[in-house]
Amino acid sequence: MRRTRAGRLQRELQIGNPEVSLEQTMVAMQKAQIGFQATLTVRNRLVSAYSEIMNMQV
């Protein structure tokens, strides 16, 4: 959802909407980036844990 909001704000800023500020757009983009990085980190840890479990000898 944050990426959608960031994209919408970016488009509005580009077309010159006076209700959208550069600061507001940059904050939304940074929030989207942080959320994406957090999701990617969790996914990588899950994949690593899965690989470790699959390599365990029973």
PDB file of N, CA and C in Angstrom:
ATOM      1  N   MET A   1       0.818  -1.192   0.000  1.00  0.00           N
ATOM      2  CA  MET A   1       0.000   0.000   0.000  1.00  0.00           C
ATOM      3  C   MET A   1       0.863   1.258   0.000  1.00  0.00           C
ATOM      4  N   ARG A   2       1.960   1.223   0.762  1.00  0.00           N
ATOM      5  CA  ARG A   2       2.819   2.402   0.809  1.00  0.00           C
ATOM      6  C   ARG A   2       3.429   2.701  -0.556  1.00  0.00           C
ATOM      7  N   ARG A   3       3.781   1.657  -1.291  1.00  0.00           N
ATOM      8  CA  ARG A   3       4.383   1.892  -2.607  1.00  0.00           C
ATOM      9  C   ARG A   3       3.367   2.542  -3.532  1.00  0.00           C
ATOM     10  N   THR A   4       2.099   2.156  -3.399  1.00  0.00           N
ATOM     11  CA  THR A   4       1.058   2.755  -4.224  1.00  0.00           C
ATOM     12  C   THR A   4       0.903   4.231  -3.880  1.00  0.00           C
ATOM     13  N   ARG A   5       0.909   4.548  -2.589  1.00  0.00           N
ATOM     14  CA  ARG A   5       0.775   5.937  -2.154  1.00  0.00           C
ATOM     15  C   ARG A   5       1.976   6.750  -2.626  1.00  0.00           C
ATOM     16  N   ALA A   6       3.156   6.189  -2.492  1.00  0.00           N
ATOM     17  CA  ALA A   6       4.363   6.897  -2.922  1.00  0.00           C
ATOM     18  C   ALA A   6       4.320   7.164  -4.423  1.00  0.00           C
ATOM     19  N   GLY A   7       3.899   6.191  -5.184  1.00  0.00           N
ATOM     20  CA  GLY A   7       3.795   6.365  -6.631  1.00  0.00           C
ATOM     21  C   GLY A   7       2.774   7.421  -7.012  1.00  0.00           C
ATOM     22  N   ARG A   8       1.649   7.409  -6.297  1.00  0.00           N
ATOM     23  CA  ARG A   8       0.608   8.400  -6.566  1.00  0.00           C
ATOM     24  C   ARG A   8       1.112   9.804  -6.248  1.00  0.00           C
ATOM     25  N   LEU A   9       1.780   9.951  -5.098  1.00  0.00           N
ATOM     26  CA  LEU A   9       2.321  11.265  -4.732  1.00  0.00           C
ATOM     27  C   LEU A   9       3.375  11.730  -5.724  1.00  0.00           C
ATOM     28  N   GLN A  10       4.193  10.790  -6.186  1.00  0.00           N
ATOM     29  CA  GLN A  10       5.231  11.139  -7.156  1.00  0.00           C
ATOM     30  C   GLN A  10       4.602  11.646  -8.454  1.00  0.00           C
ATOM     31  N   ARG A  11       3.570  10.950  -8.925  1.00  0.00           N
ATOM     32  CA  ARG A  11       2.888  11.402 -10.150  1.00  0.00           C
ATOM     33  C   ARG A  11       2.254  12.778  -9.953  1.00  0.00           C
ATOM     34  N   GLU A  12       1.611  12.969  -8.800  1.00  0.00           N
ATOM     35  CA  GLU A  12       0.976  14.261  -8.523  1.00  0.00           C
ATOM     36  C   GLU A  12       2.009  15.385  -8.475  1.00  0.00           C
ATOM     37  N   LEU A  13       3.150  15.107  -7.899  1.00  0.00           N
ATOM     38  CA  LEU A  13       4.214  16.116  -7.836  1.00  0.00           C
ATOM     39  C   LEU A  13       4.714  16.456  -9.241  1.00  0.00           C
ATOM     40  N   GLN A  14       4.851  15.445 -10.080  1.00  0.00           N
ATOM     41  CA  GLN A  14       5.351  15.668 -11.438  1.00  0.00           C
ATOM     42  C   GLN A  14       4.397  16.507 -12.285  1.00  0.00           C
ATOM     43  N   ILE A  15       3.101  16.336 -12.053  1.00  0.00           N
ATOM     44  CA  ILE A  15       2.155  17.137 -12.852  1.00  0.00           C
ATOM     45  C   ILE A  15       1.909  18.514 -12.245  1.00  0.00           C
ATOM     46  N   GLY A  16       2.540  18.785 -11.090  1.00  0.00           N
ATOM     47  CA  GLY A  16       2.478  20.118 -10.519  1.00  0.00           C
ATOM     48  C   GLY A  16       1.310  20.361  -9.583  1.00  0.00           C
ATOM     49  N   ASN A  17       0.786  19.324  -8.959  1.00  0.00           N
ATOM     50  CA  ASN A  17      -0.299  19.493  -7.997  1.00  0.00           C
ATOM     51  C   ASN A  17       0.207  20.321  -6.804  1.00  0.00           C
ATOM     52  N   PRO A  18      -0.389  21.483  -6.554  1.00  0.00           N
ATOM     53  CA  PRO A  18       0.104  22.336  -5.459  1.00  0.00           C
ATOM     54  C   PRO A  18      -0.171  21.768  -4.066  1.00  0.00           C
ATOM     55  N   GLU A  19      -1.030  20.774  -3.958  1.00  0.00           N
ATOM     56  CA  GLU A  19      -1.353  20.179  -2.660  1.00  0.00           C
ATOM     57  C   GLU A  19      -0.329  19.124  -2.229  1.00  0.00           C
ATOM     58  N   VAL A  20       0.591  18.759  -3.131  1.00  0.00           N
ATOM     59  CA  VAL A  20       1.592  17.724  -2.842  1.00  0.00           C
ATOM     60  C   VAL A  20       2.962  18.385  -2.778  1.00  0.00           C
ATOM     61  N   SER A  21       3.660  18.186  -1.656  1.00  0.00           N
ATOM     62  CA  SER A  21       4.980  18.787  -1.508  1.00  0.00           C
ATOM     63  C   SER A  21       6.071  17.756  -1.793  1.00  0.00           C
ATOM     64  N   LEU A  22       7.242  18.253  -2.104  1.00  0.00           N
ATOM     65  CA  LEU A  22       8.397  17.391  -2.343  1.00  0.00           C
ATOM     66  C   LEU A  22       8.730  16.608  -1.073  1.00  0.00           C
ATOM     67  N   GLU A  23       8.657  17.269   0.069  1.00  0.00           N
ATOM     68  CA  GLU A  23       8.980  16.610   1.341  1.00  0.00           C
ATOM     69  C   GLU A  23       8.026  15.459   1.621  1.00  0.00           C
ATOM     70  N   GLN A  24       6.746  15.692   1.400  1.00  0.00           N
ATOM     71  CA  GLN A  24       5.724  14.666   1.611  1.00  0.00           C
ATOM     72  C   GLN A  24       5.989  13.469   0.695  1.00  0.00           C
ATOM     73  N   THR A  25       6.335  13.742  -0.531  1.00  0.00           N
ATOM     74  CA  THR A  25       6.605  12.683  -1.503  1.00  0.00           C
ATOM     75  C   THR A  25       7.850  11.892  -1.113  1.00  0.00           C
ATOM     76  N   MET A  26       8.903  12.581  -0.709  1.00  0.00           N
ATOM     77  CA  MET A  26      10.144  11.905  -0.323  1.00  0.00           C
ATOM     78  C   MET A  26       9.944  11.030   0.907  1.00  0.00           C
ATOM     79  N   VAL A  27       9.177  11.505   1.884  1.00  0.00           N
ATOM     80  CA  VAL A  27       8.907  10.712   3.090  1.00  0.00           C
ATOM     81  C   VAL A  27       8.129   9.450   2.716  1.00  0.00           C
ATOM     82  N   ALA A  28       7.128   9.583   1.861  1.00  0.00           N
ATOM     83  CA  ALA A  28       6.350   8.418   1.430  1.00  0.00           C
ATOM     84  C   ALA A  28       7.227   7.417   0.692  1.00  0.00           C
ATOM     85  N   MET A  29       8.145   7.904  -0.140  1.00  0.00           N
ATOM     86  CA  MET A  29       9.038   7.013  -0.876  1.00  0.00           C
ATOM     87  C   MET A  29       9.997   6.290   0.069  1.00  0.00           C
ATOM     88  N   GLN A  30      10.491   6.987   1.074  1.00  0.00           N
ATOM     89  CA  GLN A  30      11.393   6.369   2.046  1.00  0.00           C
ATOM     90  C   GLN A  30      10.661   5.317   2.880  1.00  0.00           C
ATOM     91  N   LYS A  31       9.432   5.602   3.263  1.00  0.00           N
ATOM     92  CA  LYS A  31       8.638   4.622   4.008  1.00  0.00           C
ATOM     93  C   LYS A  31       8.406   3.368   3.169  1.00  0.00           C
ATOM     94  N   ALA A  32       8.126   3.557   1.894  1.00  0.00           N
ATOM     95  CA  ALA A  32       7.928   2.416   1.011  1.00  0.00           C
ATOM     96  C   ALA A  32       9.213   1.597   0.890  1.00  0.00           C
ATOM     97  N   GLN A  33      10.337   2.280   0.773  1.00  0.00           N
ATOM     98  CA  GLN A  33      11.630   1.597   0.662  1.00  0.00           C
ATOM     99  C   GLN A  33      11.956   0.814   1.927  1.00  0.00           C
ATOM    100  N   ILE A  34      11.700   1.403   3.086  1.00  0.00           N
ATOM    101  CA  ILE A  34      11.960   0.719   4.359  1.00  0.00           C
ATOM    102  C   ILE A  34      11.075  -0.517   4.480  1.00  0.00           C
ATOM    103  N   GLY A  35       9.813  -0.387   4.125  1.00  0.00           N
ATOM    104  CA  GLY A  35       8.899  -1.528   4.173  1.00  0.00           C
ATOM    105  C   GLY A  35       9.337  -2.645   3.243  1.00  0.00           C
ATOM    106  N   PHE A  36       9.786  -2.276   2.052  1.00  0.00           N
ATOM    107  CA  PHE A  36      10.251  -3.273   1.090  1.00  0.00           C
ATOM    108  C   PHE A  36      11.499  -3.980   1.608  1.00  0.00           C
ATOM    109  N   GLN A  37      12.438  -3.231   2.148  1.00  0.00           N
ATOM    110  CA  GLN A  37      13.663  -3.824   2.675  1.00  0.00           C
ATOM    111  C   GLN A  37      13.372  -4.751   3.851  1.00  0.00           C
ATOM    112  N   ALA A  38      12.433  -4.378   4.705  1.00  0.00           N
ATOM    113  CA  ALA A  38      12.065  -5.232   5.838  1.00  0.00           C
ATOM    114  C   ALA A  38      11.457  -6.538   5.345  1.00  0.00           C
ATOM    115  N   THR A  39      10.585  -6.451   4.367  1.00  0.00           N
ATOM    116  CA  THR A  39       9.968  -7.646   3.797  1.00  0.00           C
ATOM    117  C   THR A  39      11.019  -8.544   3.149  1.00  0.00           C
ATOM    118  N   LEU A  40      11.937  -7.951   2.437  1.00  0.00           N
ATOM    119  CA  LEU A  40      12.996  -8.709   1.783  1.00  0.00           C
ATOM    120  C   LEU A  40      13.889  -9.401   2.803  1.00  0.00           C
ATOM    121  N   THR A  41      14.196  -8.731   3.901  1.00  0.00           N
ATOM    122  CA  THR A  41      15.019  -9.317   4.960  1.00  0.00           C
ATOM    123  C   THR A  41      14.317 -10.515   5.589  1.00  0.00           C
ATOM    124  N   VAL A  42      13.042 -10.381   5.874  1.00  0.00           N
ATOM    125  CA  VAL A  42      12.282 -11.495   6.450  1.00  0.00           C
ATOM    126  C   VAL A  42      12.251 -12.671   5.479  1.00  0.00           C
ATOM    127  N   ARG A  43      12.012 -12.395   4.214  1.00  0.00           N
ATOM    128  CA  ARG A  43      11.979 -13.465   3.218  1.00  0.00           C
ATOM    129  C   ARG A  43      13.324 -14.187   3.140  1.00  0.00           C
ATOM    130  N   ASN A  44      14.404 -13.430   3.137  1.00  0.00           N
ATOM    131  CA  ASN A  44      15.731 -14.037   3.063  1.00  0.00           C
ATOM    132  C   ASN A  44      16.019 -14.908   4.273  1.00  0.00           C
ATOM    133  N   ARG A  45      15.594 -14.462   5.443  1.00  0.00           N
ATOM    134  CA  ARG A  45      15.798 -15.273   6.656  1.00  0.00           C
ATOM    135  C   ARG A  45      14.966 -16.540   6.616  1.00  0.00           C
ATOM    136  N   LEU A  46      13.751 -16.442   6.109  1.00  0.00           N
ATOM    137  CA  LEU A  46      12.909 -17.637   5.991  1.00  0.00           C
ATOM    138  C   LEU A  46      13.513 -18.641   5.006  1.00  0.00           C
ATOM    139  N   VAL A  47      14.011 -18.165   3.894  1.00  0.00           N
ATOM    140  CA  VAL A  47      14.640 -19.045   2.917  1.00  0.00           C
ATOM    141  C   VAL A  47      15.886 -19.695   3.509  1.00  0.00           C
ATOM    142  N   SER A  48      16.663 -18.926   4.242  1.00  0.00           N
ATOM    143  CA  SER A  48      17.861 -19.457   4.882  1.00  0.00           C
ATOM    144  C   SER A  48      17.505 -20.524   5.917  1.00  0.00           C
ATOM    145  N   ALA A  49      16.487 -20.261   6.734  1.00  0.00           N
ATOM    146  CA  ALA A  49      16.059 -21.238   7.738  1.00  0.00           C
ATOM    147  C   ALA A  49      15.534 -22.503   7.073  1.00  0.00           C
ATOM    148  N   TYR A  50      14.773 -22.352   6.021  1.00  0.00           N
ATOM    149  CA  TYR A  50      14.242 -23.511   5.288  1.00  0.00           C
ATOM    150  C   TYR A  50      15.384 -24.348   4.722  1.00  0.00           C
ATOM    151  N   SER A  51      16.361 -23.683   4.125  1.00  0.00           N
ATOM    152  CA  SER A  51      17.511 -24.402   3.559  1.00  0.00           C
ATOM    153  C   SER A  51      18.276 -25.135   4.644  1.00  0.00           C
ATOM    154  N   GLU A  52      18.443 -24.510   5.772  1.00  0.00           N
ATOM    155  CA  GLU A  52      19.150 -25.125   6.883  1.00  0.00           C
ATOM    156  C   GLU A  52      18.400 -26.367   7.392  1.00  0.00           C
ATOM    157  N   ILE A  53      17.099 -26.264   7.509  1.00  0.00           N
ATOM    158  CA  ILE A  53      16.291 -27.404   7.960  1.00  0.00           C
ATOM    159  C   ILE A  53      16.354 -28.537   6.942  1.00  0.00           C
ATOM    160  N   MET A  54      16.287 -28.199   5.664  1.00  0.00           N
ATOM    161  CA  MET A  54      16.326 -29.236   4.625  1.00  0.00           C
ATOM    162  C   MET A  54      17.683 -29.930   4.564  1.00  0.00           C
ATOM    163  N   ASN A  55      18.747 -29.277   4.999  1.00  0.00           N
ATOM    164  CA  ASN A  55      20.077 -29.874   4.981  1.00  0.00           C
ATOM    165  C   ASN A  55      20.410 -30.669   6.262  1.00  0.00           C
ATOM    166  N   MET A  56      19.498 -30.629   7.229  1.00  0.00           N
ATOM    167  CA  MET A  56      19.722 -31.380   8.473  1.00  0.00           C
ATOM    168  C   MET A  56      19.624 -32.881   8.201  1.00  0.00           C
ATOM    169  N   GLN A  57      20.500 -33.624   8.874  1.00  0.00           N
ATOM    170  CA  GLN A  57      20.401 -35.062   8.753  1.00  0.00           C
ATOM    171  C   GLN A  57      19.494 -35.593   9.855  1.00  0.00           C
ATOM    172  N   VAL A  58      18.679 -36.553   9.492  1.00  0.00           N
ATOM    173  CA  VAL A  58      17.709 -37.103  10.449  1.00  0.00           C
ATOM    174  C   VAL A  58      18.259 -38.362  11.082  1.00  0.00           C
TER     175      VAL A  58
END
